[in-house]
Amino acid sequence: MGQTSLPPQPPAPYYPLKDDPNDPGPGWWFKGLSGEECERVTLYQHALLCPIIIGDILSGPDLLSKDSKQCSFKIIGKLGYGSYSTVWLGQDLYGERCLVIKVLRFEVSTLDNSEMRILRKLGKLRVAFFQQHNDRKYLCLGLDPLGPSLRIRMETDIQLPSNLATILQSMEILAKKVSALHQQRICHGDISHCNVAFDLHNDAFTDEALKISFQDDTRFRFVFTGSAEEPALPPGLPKYIISNGYTALLGDGTDLSKIELLDFGKAFEGFSKDNALGTEPYLALEMHGETGGHASDKSDIWSLGCVLCYALTDFYFLERKEFQIKYSGIALSLSLNF
């Protein structure tokens, strides 16, 4: 007798993400503040971000290896997120090192990705691979870990240097690094207090240090409401999303001469780029605009000066709430006098 084929199973019902927790209809509600405390949840809903939680394994053939050597990293903590990525600390399963694993959004996860090309040119890229999730691949960039950013040092209880000479020495070294970048015909495009970081402490990866680094993490989960039966979580959503406003690996609190630029997501080759975006209080005049502006090596220097001001005073050169008015006044004065 021939086998009787079973009728096809109906697809699982789709339940949307809710904008309002009081919506009586069935759906998923995210308990955190999407886009404020963490990355925007809708990016997962549309499969633009790869869903990742602690303990996940990210792996794939290394794009930098001639023989496509397999690399594999166990996620042990979340370091942050940006406009086009989430950033994690990964333990190399084939070695003893830890790397920062920057997982890019789907639409920029290409073999000709400019950030990957620039990082490789600068000698900063350690591995690169695609993480497969369902039918999509997300580009992962492996980088050497750094300590706390300038922003975190200034806004937390990490002890700061009290003398002017030490601060100026750090900024002088940073200026030389920006100059070296420009000599290679590369502009950073987003120099700010968030994208300047100090060196690691020798004990940064001990169990005790890592526990302290991630102690303020908060896990926000998805809750199903509007129905007694809770279905399986949609495949694009992680079980939870981590919020960690001031997470940083343990830094070297004594030697501030070891200072580095990070996050080359808005970097570009050459000395000119239109429709460029950056960080508001650090934007040069020509970069200011609702849809971006003109970025160059000169706008990098302006941003560097704003970082120096922040390091010396703990204030933005132009505060967020007033930079719109002051920028307009400065631009008008320049147009009239020059």
C-alpha atoms as a PDB file:
ATOM      1  CA  MET A   1       0.000   0.000   0.000  1.00  0.00           C
ATOM      2  CA  GLY A   2       1.222   3.480  -0.797  1.00  0.00           C
ATOM      3  CA  GLN A   3       1.884   5.956   1.958  1.00  0.00           C
ATOM      4  CA  THR A   4      -0.820   8.490   2.645  1.00  0.00           C
ATOM      5  CA  SER A   5       0.562  12.007   2.498  1.00  0.00           C
ATOM      6  CA  LEU A   6      -0.414  14.277   5.320  1.00  0.00           C
ATOM      7  CA  PRO A   7      -2.131  17.536   4.457  1.00  0.00           C
ATOM      8  CA  PRO A   8       0.159  20.575   4.695  1.00  0.00           C
ATOM      9  CA  GLN A   9       0.144  22.297   8.053  1.00  0.00           C
ATOM     10  CA  PRO A  10      -1.256  25.818   8.103  1.00  0.00           C
ATOM     11  CA  PRO A  11       1.348  28.512   8.768  1.00  0.00           C
ATOM     12  CA  ALA A  12       1.673  29.723  12.332  1.00  0.00           C
ATOM     13  CA  PRO A  13      -0.431  32.825  12.946  1.00  0.00           C
ATOM     14  CA  TYR A  14       1.443  36.115  12.770  1.00  0.00           C
ATOM     15  CA  TYR A  15       1.146  38.429  15.739  1.00  0.00           C
ATOM     16  CA  PRO A  16       2.495  41.965  15.392  1.00  0.00           C
ATOM     17  CA  LEU A  17       4.601  44.059  17.721  1.00  0.00           C
ATOM     18  CA  LYS A  18       2.345  46.447  19.602  1.00  0.00           C
ATOM     19  CA  ASP A  19       2.900  50.175  19.832  1.00  0.00           C
ATOM     20  CA  ASP A  20       0.520  50.423  22.789  1.00  0.00           C
ATOM     21  CA  PRO A  21       0.499  47.866  25.656  1.00  0.00           C
ATOM     22  CA  ASN A  22      -3.192  48.634  26.224  1.00  0.00           C
ATOM     23  CA  ASP A  23      -4.102  47.447  22.735  1.00  0.00           C
ATOM     24  CA  PRO A  24      -6.638  44.643  23.439  1.00  0.00           C
ATOM     25  CA  GLY A  25      -5.701  42.603  20.382  1.00  0.00           C
ATOM     26  CA  PRO A  26      -3.188  39.738  20.540  1.00  0.00           C
ATOM     27  CA  GLY A  27       0.425  40.700  19.941  1.00  0.00           C
ATOM     28  CA  TRP A  28       3.901  41.152  21.365  1.00  0.00           C
ATOM     29  CA  TRP A  29       4.825  44.027  23.650  1.00  0.00           C
ATOM     30  CA  PHE A  30       8.454  45.017  24.286  1.00  0.00           C
ATOM     31  CA  LYS A  31       8.950  46.109  27.904  1.00  0.00           C
ATOM     32  CA  GLY A  32      11.948  48.384  27.273  1.00  0.00           C
ATOM     33  CA  LEU A  33      12.250  51.791  25.626  1.00  0.00           C
ATOM     34  CA  SER A  34      12.997  50.933  22.024  1.00  0.00           C
ATOM     35  CA  GLY A  35      15.543  53.295  20.456  1.00  0.00           C
ATOM     36  CA  GLU A  36      16.377  54.932  23.803  1.00  0.00           C
ATOM     37  CA  GLU A  37      17.623  52.237  26.165  1.00  0.00           C
ATOM     38  CA  CYS A  38      18.565  49.884  23.359  1.00  0.00           C
ATOM     39  CA  GLU A  39      18.434  49.447  19.592  1.00  0.00           C
ATOM     40  CA  ARG A  40      15.078  49.854  17.838  1.00  0.00           C
ATOM     41  CA  VAL A  41      12.984  46.699  18.100  1.00  0.00           C
ATOM     42  CA  THR A  42      11.500  47.158  14.631  1.00  0.00           C
ATOM     43  CA  LEU A  43      14.944  46.431  13.178  1.00  0.00           C
ATOM     44  CA  TYR A  44      14.579  42.867  14.474  1.00  0.00           C
ATOM     45  CA  GLN A  45      10.984  42.652  13.325  1.00  0.00           C
ATOM     46  CA  HIS A  46      12.101  43.320   9.748  1.00  0.00           C
ATOM     47  CA  ALA A  47      15.210  41.089  10.041  1.00  0.00           C
ATOM     48  CA  LEU A  48      17.580  44.032   9.622  1.00  0.00           C
ATOM     49  CA  LEU A  49      19.453  43.110  12.827  1.00  0.00           C
ATOM     50  CA  CYS A  50      20.631  39.633  13.751  1.00  0.00           C
ATOM     51  CA  PRO A  51      18.956  38.454  17.011  1.00  0.00           C
ATOM     52  CA  ILE A  52      21.704  37.665  19.549  1.00  0.00           C
ATOM     53  CA  ILE A  53      21.674  36.791  23.247  1.00  0.00           C
ATOM     54  CA  ILE A  54      24.377  35.893  25.775  1.00  0.00           C
ATOM     55  CA  GLY A  55      25.824  32.436  25.131  1.00  0.00           C
ATOM     56  CA  ASP A  56      25.087  32.411  21.404  1.00  0.00           C
ATOM     57  CA  ILE A  57      27.798  31.147  19.054  1.00  0.00           C
ATOM     58  CA  LEU A  58      28.631  33.326  16.050  1.00  0.00           C
ATOM     59  CA  SER A  59      30.681  31.544  13.418  1.00  0.00           C
ATOM     60  CA  GLY A  60      31.607  31.355   9.769  1.00  0.00           C
ATOM     61  CA  PRO A  61      34.562  31.114   7.381  1.00  0.00           C
ATOM     62  CA  ASP A  62      37.030  33.955   7.971  1.00  0.00           C
ATOM     63  CA  LEU A  63      36.954  36.300   4.981  1.00  0.00           C
ATOM     64  CA  LEU A  64      40.509  37.426   5.779  1.00  0.00           C
ATOM     65  CA  SER A  65      41.943  33.907   5.679  1.00  0.00           C
ATOM     66  CA  LYS A  66      43.303  32.551   2.394  1.00  0.00           C
ATOM     67  CA  ASP A  67      41.955  29.082   3.197  1.00  0.00           C
ATOM     68  CA  SER A  68      38.632  30.382   4.635  1.00  0.00           C
ATOM     69  CA  LYS A  69      39.523  29.116   8.095  1.00  0.00           C
ATOM     70  CA  GLN A  70      36.492  28.696  10.334  1.00  0.00           C
ATOM     71  CA  CYS A  71      36.185  31.160  13.207  1.00  0.00           C
ATOM     72  CA  SER A  72      33.756  30.840  16.079  1.00  0.00           C
ATOM     73  CA  PHE A  73      32.994  33.135  19.030  1.00  0.00           C
ATOM     74  CA  LYS A  74      30.837  32.645  22.108  1.00  0.00           C
ATOM     75  CA  ILE A  75      29.040  35.836  23.116  1.00  0.00           C
ATOM     76  CA  ILE A  76      29.800  36.754  26.734  1.00  0.00           C
ATOM     77  CA  GLY A  77      28.526  40.342  26.905  1.00  0.00           C
ATOM     78  CA  LYS A  78      26.988  43.237  25.028  1.00  0.00           C
ATOM     79  CA  LEU A  79      29.152  46.331  24.618  1.00  0.00           C
ATOM     80  CA  GLY A  80      26.671  48.587  22.849  1.00  0.00           C
ATOM     81  CA  TYR A  81      24.812  49.364  19.657  1.00  0.00           C
ATOM     82  CA  GLY A  82      24.838  51.934  16.886  1.00  0.00           C
ATOM     83  CA  SER A  83      22.782  53.057  13.932  1.00  0.00           C
ATOM     84  CA  TYR A  84      23.908  50.120  11.812  1.00  0.00           C
ATOM     85  CA  SER A  85      25.151  47.488  14.241  1.00  0.00           C
ATOM     86  CA  THR A  86      25.149  45.808  17.604  1.00  0.00           C
ATOM     87  CA  VAL A  87      28.484  45.309  19.387  1.00  0.00           C
ATOM     88  CA  TRP A  88      29.440  42.314  21.521  1.00  0.00           C
ATOM     89  CA  LEU A  89      32.344  40.757  23.387  1.00  0.00           C
ATOM     90  CA  GLY A  90      33.132  37.310  22.036  1.00  0.00           C
ATOM     91  CA  GLN A  91      35.372  34.524  23.349  1.00  0.00           C
ATOM     92  CA  ASP A  92      37.319  32.805  20.570  1.00  0.00           C
ATOM     93  CA  LEU A  93      36.442  29.099  20.733  1.00  0.00           C
ATOM     94  CA  TYR A  94      39.592  28.203  18.789  1.00  0.00           C
ATOM     95  CA  GLY A  95      41.948  30.284  20.910  1.00  0.00           C
ATOM     96  CA  GLU A  96      42.308  32.197  24.152  1.00  0.00           C
ATOM     97  CA  ARG A  97      41.585  35.693  22.853  1.00  0.00           C
ATOM     98  CA  CYS A  98      38.510  37.845  23.254  1.00  0.00           C
ATOM     99  CA  LEU A  99      37.472  40.145  20.418  1.00  0.00           C
ATOM    100  CA  VAL A 100      34.886  42.834  19.943  1.00  0.00           C
ATOM    101  CA  ILE A 101      32.372  41.424  17.450  1.00  0.00           C
ATOM    102  CA  LYS A 102      30.534  44.144  15.568  1.00  0.00           C
ATOM    103  CA  VAL A 103      27.464  42.650  13.860  1.00  0.00           C
ATOM    104  CA  LEU A 104      26.278  44.857  11.013  1.00  0.00           C
ATOM    105  CA  ARG A 105      22.758  45.379   9.764  1.00  0.00           C
ATOM    106  CA  PHE A 106      21.610  43.237   6.861  1.00  0.00           C
ATOM    107  CA  GLU A 107      21.524  45.989   4.248  1.00  0.00           C
ATOM    108  CA  VAL A 108      25.214  46.857   4.757  1.00  0.00           C
ATOM    109  CA  SER A 109      26.387  43.247   5.154  1.00  0.00           C
ATOM    110  CA  THR A 110      28.168  42.985   1.817  1.00  0.00           C
ATOM    111  CA  LEU A 111      31.568  41.791   0.655  1.00  0.00           C
ATOM    112  CA  ASP A 112      32.413  45.325  -0.468  1.00  0.00           C
ATOM    113  CA  ASN A 113      31.412  46.920   2.852  1.00  0.00           C
ATOM    114  CA  SER A 114      33.411  50.142   3.230  1.00  0.00           C
ATOM    115  CA  GLU A 115      33.965  49.821   6.995  1.00  0.00           C
ATOM    116  CA  MET A 116      35.482  46.362   6.552  1.00  0.00           C
ATOM    117  CA  ARG A 117      37.715  47.658   3.768  1.00  0.00           C
ATOM    118  CA  ILE A 118      38.913  50.651   5.817  1.00  0.00           C
ATOM    119  CA  LEU A 119      39.528  48.624   8.984  1.00  0.00           C
ATOM    120  CA  ARG A 120      41.531  46.128   6.973  1.00  0.00           C
ATOM    121  CA  LYS A 121      43.550  48.914   5.366  1.00  0.00           C
ATOM    122  CA  LEU A 122      44.313  50.346   8.819  1.00  0.00           C
ATOM    123  CA  GLY A 123      45.366  46.951  10.183  1.00  0.00           C
ATOM    124  CA  LYS A 124      42.605  46.963  12.806  1.00  0.00           C
ATOM    125  CA  LEU A 125      40.509  44.051  11.520  1.00  0.00           C
ATOM    126  CA  ARG A 126      41.262  40.658  13.082  1.00  0.00           C
ATOM    127  CA  VAL A 127      38.516  38.501  11.553  1.00  0.00           C
ATOM    128  CA  ALA A 128      35.486  38.992   9.333  1.00  0.00           C
ATOM    129  CA  PHE A 129      32.732  36.468   8.667  1.00  0.00           C
ATOM    130  CA  PHE A 130      29.056  36.148   7.864  1.00  0.00           C
ATOM    131  CA  GLN A 131      26.670  34.923  10.564  1.00  0.00           C
ATOM    132  CA  GLN A 132      23.769  32.997   9.064  1.00  0.00           C
ATOM    133  CA  HIS A 133      20.327  33.466  10.609  1.00  0.00           C
ATOM    134  CA  ASN A 134      17.351  31.976   8.799  1.00  0.00           C
ATOM    135  CA  ASP A 135      17.686  33.097   5.183  1.00  0.00           C
ATOM    136  CA  ARG A 136      19.908  36.118   5.849  1.00  0.00           C
ATOM    137  CA  LYS A 137      23.601  36.685   6.453  1.00  0.00           C
ATOM    138  CA  TYR A 138      24.999  39.399   8.718  1.00  0.00           C
ATOM    139  CA  LEU A 139      28.577  40.643   8.410  1.00  0.00           C
ATOM    140  CA  CYS A 140      30.590  40.327  11.638  1.00  0.00           C
ATOM    141  CA  LEU A 141      33.797  42.324  12.151  1.00  0.00           C
ATOM    142  CA  GLY A 142      36.256  41.217  14.843  1.00  0.00           C
ATOM    143  CA  LEU A 143      38.356  43.934  16.499  1.00  0.00           C
ATOM    144  CA  ASP A 144      40.744  44.249  19.428  1.00  0.00           C
ATOM    145  CA  PRO A 145      38.879  45.270  22.611  1.00  0.00           C
ATOM    146  CA  LEU A 146      39.419  48.697  24.158  1.00  0.00           C
ATOM    147  CA  GLY A 147      38.715  50.176  27.574  1.00  0.00           C
ATOM    148  CA  PRO A 148      36.132  52.842  28.453  1.00  0.00           C
ATOM    149  CA  SER A 149      35.322  55.647  26.047  1.00  0.00           C
ATOM    150  CA  LEU A 150      35.944  59.282  26.965  1.00  0.00           C
ATOM    151  CA  ARG A 151      32.192  59.679  27.516  1.00  0.00           C
ATOM    152  CA  ILE A 152      32.046  56.806  29.992  1.00  0.00           C
ATOM    153  CA  ARG A 153      35.127  58.052  31.851  1.00  0.00           C
ATOM    154  CA  MET A 154      33.552  61.489  32.221  1.00  0.00           C
ATOM    155  CA  GLU A 155      30.016  60.370  33.125  1.00  0.00           C
ATOM    156  CA  THR A 156      30.777  57.570  35.599  1.00  0.00           C
ATOM    157  CA  ASP A 157      32.859  57.213  38.738  1.00  0.00           C
ATOM    158  CA  ILE A 158      36.029  56.229  36.878  1.00  0.00           C
ATOM    159  CA  GLN A 159      38.788  58.435  38.281  1.00  0.00           C
ATOM    160  CA  LEU A 160      39.929  61.139  35.889  1.00  0.00           C
ATOM    161  CA  PRO A 161      43.319  62.822  35.672  1.00  0.00           C
ATOM    162  CA  SER A 162      43.356  66.058  37.615  1.00  0.00           C
ATOM    163  CA  ASN A 163      46.217  67.827  35.873  1.00  0.00           C
ATOM    164  CA  LEU A 164      46.058  69.696  32.602  1.00  0.00           C
ATOM    165  CA  ALA A 165      49.310  68.239  31.269  1.00  0.00           C
ATOM    166  CA  THR A 166      47.984  64.661  31.323  1.00  0.00           C
ATOM    167  CA  ILE A 167      44.793  65.606  29.495  1.00  0.00           C
ATOM    168  CA  LEU A 168      46.665  67.609  26.868  1.00  0.00           C
ATOM    169  CA  GLN A 169      49.093  64.740  26.361  1.00  0.00           C
ATOM    170  CA  SER A 170      46.197  62.379  25.612  1.00  0.00           C
ATOM    171  CA  MET A 171      44.647  64.862  23.203  1.00  0.00           C
ATOM    172  CA  GLU A 172      47.993  65.451  21.472  1.00  0.00           C
ATOM    173  CA  ILE A 173      48.352  61.709  20.881  1.00  0.00           C
ATOM    174  CA  LEU A 174      44.777  61.577  19.598  1.00  0.00           C
ATOM    175  CA  ALA A 175      45.488  64.470  17.212  1.00  0.00           C
ATOM    176  CA  LYS A 176      48.495  62.585  15.833  1.00  0.00           C
ATOM    177  CA  LYS A 177      46.318  59.538  15.228  1.00  0.00           C
ATOM    178  CA  VAL A 178      43.787  61.639  13.322  1.00  0.00           C
ATOM    179  CA  SER A 179      46.631  63.152  11.288  1.00  0.00           C
ATOM    180  CA  ALA A 180      47.982  59.664  10.519  1.00  0.00           C
ATOM    181  CA  LEU A 181      44.513  58.652   9.386  1.00  0.00           C
ATOM    182  CA  HIS A 182      44.341  61.595   7.006  1.00  0.00           C
ATOM    183  CA  GLN A 183      47.788  60.786   5.645  1.00  0.00           C
ATOM    184  CA  GLN A 184      46.302  57.487   4.493  1.00  0.00           C
ATOM    185  CA  ARG A 185      43.519  59.453   2.770  1.00  0.00           C
ATOM    186  CA  ILE A 186      40.876  58.266   5.231  1.00  0.00           C
ATOM    187  CA  CYS A 187      38.465  60.456   7.204  1.00  0.00           C
ATOM    188  CA  HIS A 188      36.774  59.169  10.335  1.00  0.00           C
ATOM    189  CA  GLY A 189      33.554  61.113   9.849  1.00  0.00           C
ATOM    190  CA  ASP A 190      32.260  60.767  13.421  1.00  0.00           C
ATOM    191  CA  ILE A 191      34.890  61.797  15.979  1.00  0.00           C
ATOM    192  CA  SER A 192      33.149  62.278  19.329  1.00  0.00           C
ATOM    193  CA  HIS A 193      33.467  61.527  23.044  1.00  0.00           C
ATOM    194  CA  CYS A 194      31.799  58.156  22.355  1.00  0.00           C
ATOM    195  CA  ASN A 195      34.310  57.165  19.676  1.00  0.00           C
ATOM    196  CA  VAL A 196      37.511  57.846  21.601  1.00  0.00           C
ATOM    197  CA  ALA A 197      38.603  55.090  23.997  1.00  0.00           C
ATOM    198  CA  PHE A 198      41.456  54.264  26.335  1.00  0.00           C
ATOM    199  CA  ASP A 199      43.477  51.081  26.770  1.00  0.00           C
ATOM    200  CA  LEU A 200      42.474  47.928  28.634  1.00  0.00           C
ATOM    201  CA  HIS A 201      43.636  46.949  32.090  1.00  0.00           C
ATOM    202  CA  ASN A 202      45.733  43.775  32.198  1.00  0.00           C
ATOM    203  CA  ASP A 203      43.011  42.092  34.268  1.00  0.00           C
ATOM    204  CA  ALA A 204      40.095  43.171  32.065  1.00  0.00           C
ATOM    205  CA  PHE A 205      39.099  39.598  31.188  1.00  0.00           C
ATOM    206  CA  THR A 206      39.157  38.031  34.635  1.00  0.00           C
ATOM    207  CA  ASP A 207      35.812  36.683  35.858  1.00  0.00           C
ATOM    208  CA  GLU A 208      35.607  39.397  38.520  1.00  0.00           C
ATOM    209  CA  ALA A 209      36.373  42.222  36.086  1.00  0.00           C
ATOM    210  CA  LEU A 210      33.855  40.964  33.514  1.00  0.00           C
ATOM    211  CA  LYS A 211      31.198  40.654  36.209  1.00  0.00           C
ATOM    212  CA  ILE A 212      31.739  44.303  37.134  1.00  0.00           C
ATOM    213  CA  SER A 213      31.790  45.391  33.475  1.00  0.00           C
ATOM    214  CA  PHE A 214      28.354  43.909  32.789  1.00  0.00           C
ATOM    215  CA  GLN A 215      26.773  44.364  36.232  1.00  0.00           C
ATOM    216  CA  ASP A 216      24.383  47.100  35.120  1.00  0.00           C
ATOM    217  CA  ASP A 217      22.957  45.137  32.197  1.00  0.00           C
ATOM    218  CA  THR A 218      19.170  44.985  32.070  1.00  0.00           C
ATOM    219  CA  ARG A 219      17.381  42.360  29.998  1.00  0.00           C
ATOM    220  CA  PHE A 220      14.109  43.552  28.484  1.00  0.00           C
ATOM    221  CA  ARG A 221      11.853  40.769  27.268  1.00  0.00           C
ATOM    222  CA  PHE A 222       8.907  40.477  24.910  1.00  0.00           C
ATOM    223  CA  VAL A 223       5.528  39.808  26.527  1.00  0.00           C
ATOM    224  CA  PHE A 224       2.547  38.391  24.662  1.00  0.00           C
ATOM    225  CA  THR A 225      -0.757  40.067  25.557  1.00  0.00           C
ATOM    226  CA  GLY A 226      -4.340  39.911  24.376  1.00  0.00           C
ATOM    227  CA  SER A 227      -4.695  36.128  24.437  1.00  0.00           C
ATOM    228  CA  ALA A 228      -4.492  33.336  26.996  1.00  0.00           C
ATOM    229  CA  GLU A 229      -2.217  31.180  24.831  1.00  0.00           C
ATOM    230  CA  GLU A 230       1.278  32.475  24.155  1.00  0.00           C
ATOM    231  CA  PRO A 231       2.670  31.393  20.773  1.00  0.00           C
ATOM    232  CA  ALA A 232       6.321  30.866  19.967  1.00  0.00           C
ATOM    233  CA  LEU A 233       8.361  34.056  19.682  1.00  0.00           C
ATOM    234  CA  PRO A 234       8.660  35.163  16.038  1.00  0.00           C
ATOM    235  CA  PRO A 235      11.982  33.983  14.550  1.00  0.00           C
ATOM    236  CA  GLY A 236      13.337  37.493  13.994  1.00  0.00           C
ATOM    237  CA  LEU A 237      13.061  38.563  17.642  1.00  0.00           C
ATOM    238  CA  PRO A 238      15.656  37.696  20.311  1.00  0.00           C
ATOM    239  CA  LYS A 239      14.436  36.293  23.645  1.00  0.00           C
ATOM    240  CA  TYR A 240      15.513  39.560  25.231  1.00  0.00           C
ATOM    241  CA  ILE A 241      17.369  42.773  24.399  1.00  0.00           C
ATOM    242  CA  ILE A 242      20.096  44.074  26.684  1.00  0.00           C
ATOM    243  CA  SER A 243      20.240  47.707  27.782  1.00  0.00           C
ATOM    244  CA  ASN A 244      23.592  48.869  29.170  1.00  0.00           C
ATOM    245  CA  GLY A 245      24.141  52.606  29.014  1.00  0.00           C
ATOM    246  CA  TYR A 246      27.572  52.728  30.664  1.00  0.00           C
ATOM    247  CA  THR A 247      29.035  49.291  29.967  1.00  0.00           C
ATOM    248  CA  ALA A 248      32.798  49.250  29.444  1.00  0.00           C
ATOM    249  CA  LEU A 249      35.623  46.805  29.886  1.00  0.00           C
ATOM    250  CA  LEU A 250      38.057  47.550  32.704  1.00  0.00           C
ATOM    251  CA  GLY A 251      40.482  50.219  31.543  1.00  0.00           C
ATOM    252  CA  ASP A 252      43.996  51.246  32.455  1.00  0.00           C
ATOM    253  CA  GLY A 253      43.326  54.136  34.806  1.00  0.00           C
ATOM    254  CA  THR A 254      46.934  55.285  35.003  1.00  0.00           C
ATOM    255  CA  ASP A 255      48.264  55.431  31.440  1.00  0.00           C
ATOM    256  CA  LEU A 256      46.038  57.749  29.414  1.00  0.00           C
ATOM    257  CA  SER A 257      48.601  58.013  26.621  1.00  0.00           C
ATOM    258  CA  LYS A 258      47.107  54.860  25.103  1.00  0.00           C
ATOM    259  CA  ILE A 259      44.121  56.381  23.373  1.00  0.00           C
ATOM    260  CA  GLU A 260      42.427  55.168  20.206  1.00  0.00           C
ATOM    261  CA  LEU A 261      39.704  56.054  17.738  1.00  0.00           C
ATOM    262  CA  LEU A 262      36.920  53.517  17.369  1.00  0.00           C
ATOM    263  CA  ASP A 263      33.763  52.975  15.304  1.00  0.00           C
ATOM    264  CA  PHE A 264      34.674  53.495  11.661  1.00  0.00           C
ATOM    265  CA  GLY A 265      31.099  52.976  10.493  1.00  0.00           C
ATOM    266  CA  LYS A 266      30.941  56.495   9.016  1.00  0.00           C
ATOM    267  CA  ALA A 267      34.550  56.621   7.838  1.00  0.00           C
ATOM    268  CA  PHE A 268      35.297  57.124   4.159  1.00  0.00           C
ATOM    269  CA  GLU A 269      38.242  57.130   1.790  1.00  0.00           C
ATOM    270  CA  GLY A 270      39.300  60.451   0.308  1.00  0.00           C
ATOM    271  CA  PHE A 271      38.727  63.913   1.735  1.00  0.00           C
ATOM    272  CA  SER A 272      35.165  64.673   0.709  1.00  0.00           C
ATOM    273  CA  LYS A 273      31.753  63.114   1.262  1.00  0.00           C
ATOM    274  CA  ASP A 274      28.274  64.575   0.866  1.00  0.00           C
ATOM    275  CA  ASN A 275      25.125  63.632   2.795  1.00  0.00           C
ATOM    276  CA  ALA A 276      27.301  62.636   5.755  1.00  0.00           C
ATOM    277  CA  LEU A 277      25.929  62.215   9.257  1.00  0.00           C
ATOM    278  CA  GLY A 278      27.677  62.501  12.615  1.00  0.00           C
ATOM    279  CA  THR A 279      27.130  63.224  16.306  1.00  0.00           C
ATOM    280  CA  GLU A 280      25.275  66.493  16.909  1.00  0.00           C
ATOM    281  CA  PRO A 281      27.481  68.423  19.354  1.00  0.00           C
ATOM    282  CA  TYR A 282      30.564  67.533  17.295  1.00  0.00           C
ATOM    283  CA  LEU A 283      29.323  68.462  13.822  1.00  0.00           C
ATOM    284  CA  ALA A 284      31.240  71.040  11.826  1.00  0.00           C
ATOM    285  CA  LEU A 285      29.163  73.841  10.333  1.00  0.00           C
ATOM    286  CA  GLU A 286      29.130  72.321   6.865  1.00  0.00           C
ATOM    287  CA  MET A 287      27.858  68.995   8.223  1.00  0.00           C
ATOM    288  CA  HIS A 288      24.815  70.457   9.913  1.00  0.00           C
ATOM    289  CA  GLY A 289      21.515  69.687   8.216  1.00  0.00           C
ATOM    290  CA  GLU A 290      18.462  67.482   8.493  1.00  0.00           C
ATOM    291  CA  THR A 291      19.731  65.079   5.821  1.00  0.00           C
ATOM    292  CA  GLY A 292      23.424  65.408   6.595  1.00  0.00           C
ATOM    293  CA  GLY A 293      26.083  67.629   5.099  1.00  0.00           C
ATOM    294  CA  HIS A 294      29.578  67.785   3.677  1.00  0.00           C
ATOM    295  CA  ALA A 295      32.215  65.820   5.587  1.00  0.00           C
ATOM    296  CA  SER A 296      35.957  66.189   5.034  1.00  0.00           C
ATOM    297  CA  ASP A 297      39.312  66.089   6.777  1.00  0.00           C
ATOM    298  CA  LYS A 298      38.528  69.632   7.978  1.00  0.00           C
ATOM    299  CA  SER A 299      35.287  68.531   9.641  1.00  0.00           C
ATOM    300  CA  ASP A 300      37.296  65.807  11.400  1.00  0.00           C
ATOM    301  CA  ILE A 301      39.542  68.535  12.831  1.00  0.00           C
ATOM    302  CA  TRP A 302      36.523  70.535  14.034  1.00  0.00           C
ATOM    303  CA  SER A 303      35.163  67.431  15.774  1.00  0.00           C
ATOM    304  CA  LEU A 304      38.582  66.789  17.320  1.00  0.00           C
ATOM    305  CA  GLY A 305      38.551  70.318  18.758  1.00  0.00           C
ATOM    306  CA  CYS A 306      35.111  69.669  20.260  1.00  0.00           C
ATOM    307  CA  VAL A 307      36.471  66.496  21.888  1.00  0.00           C
ATOM    308  CA  LEU A 308      39.341  68.523  23.374  1.00  0.00           C
ATOM    309  CA  CYS A 309      36.829  71.026  24.776  1.00  0.00           C
ATOM    310  CA  TYR A 310      34.806  68.196  26.313  1.00  0.00           C
ATOM    311  CA  ALA A 311      37.897  66.572  27.834  1.00  0.00           C
ATOM    312  CA  LEU A 312      39.005  69.848  29.443  1.00  0.00           C
ATOM    313  CA  THR A 313      35.656  71.159  30.647  1.00  0.00           C
ATOM    314  CA  ASP A 314      33.223  68.215  30.834  1.00  0.00           C
ATOM    315  CA  PHE A 315      30.923  70.290  28.599  1.00  0.00           C
ATOM    316  CA  TYR A 316      30.066  70.161  24.922  1.00  0.00           C
ATOM    317  CA  PHE A 317      31.492  73.018  22.871  1.00  0.00           C
ATOM    318  CA  LEU A 318      27.892  73.633  21.821  1.00  0.00           C
ATOM    319  CA  GLU A 319      25.226  72.028  23.997  1.00  0.00           C
ATOM    320  CA  ARG A 320      22.603  69.929  22.227  1.00  0.00           C
ATOM    321  CA  LYS A 321      19.743  72.248  23.160  1.00  0.00           C
ATOM    322  CA  GLU A 322      21.494  75.356  21.866  1.00  0.00           C
ATOM    323  CA  PHE A 323      23.691  74.245  18.992  1.00  0.00           C
ATOM    324  CA  GLN A 324      20.963  74.898  16.385  1.00  0.00           C
ATOM    325  CA  ILE A 325      20.754  78.590  17.351  1.00  0.00           C
ATOM    326  CA  LYS A 326      24.497  79.070  17.813  1.00  0.00           C
ATOM    327  CA  TYR A 327      25.357  77.290  14.567  1.00  0.00           C
ATOM    328  CA  SER A 328      23.018  79.603  12.685  1.00  0.00           C
ATOM    329  CA  GLY A 329      24.643  82.651  14.299  1.00  0.00           C
ATOM    330  CA  ILE A 330      28.177  81.450  13.594  1.00  0.00           C
ATOM    331  CA  ALA A 331      27.310  80.587   9.990  1.00  0.00           C
ATOM    332  CA  LEU A 332      25.754  84.038   9.468  1.00  0.00           C
ATOM    333  CA  SER A 333      28.808  85.808  10.918  1.00  0.00           C
ATOM    334  CA  LEU A 334      31.153  83.835   8.688  1.00  0.00           C
ATOM    335  CA  SER A 335      29.078  84.558   5.585  1.00  0.00           C
ATOM    336  CA  LEU A 336      29.038  88.314   6.333  1.00  0.00           C
ATOM    337  CA  ASN A 337      32.686  88.702   7.276  1.00  0.00           C
ATOM    338  CA  PHE A 338      34.426  86.222   5.047  1.00  0.00           C
END
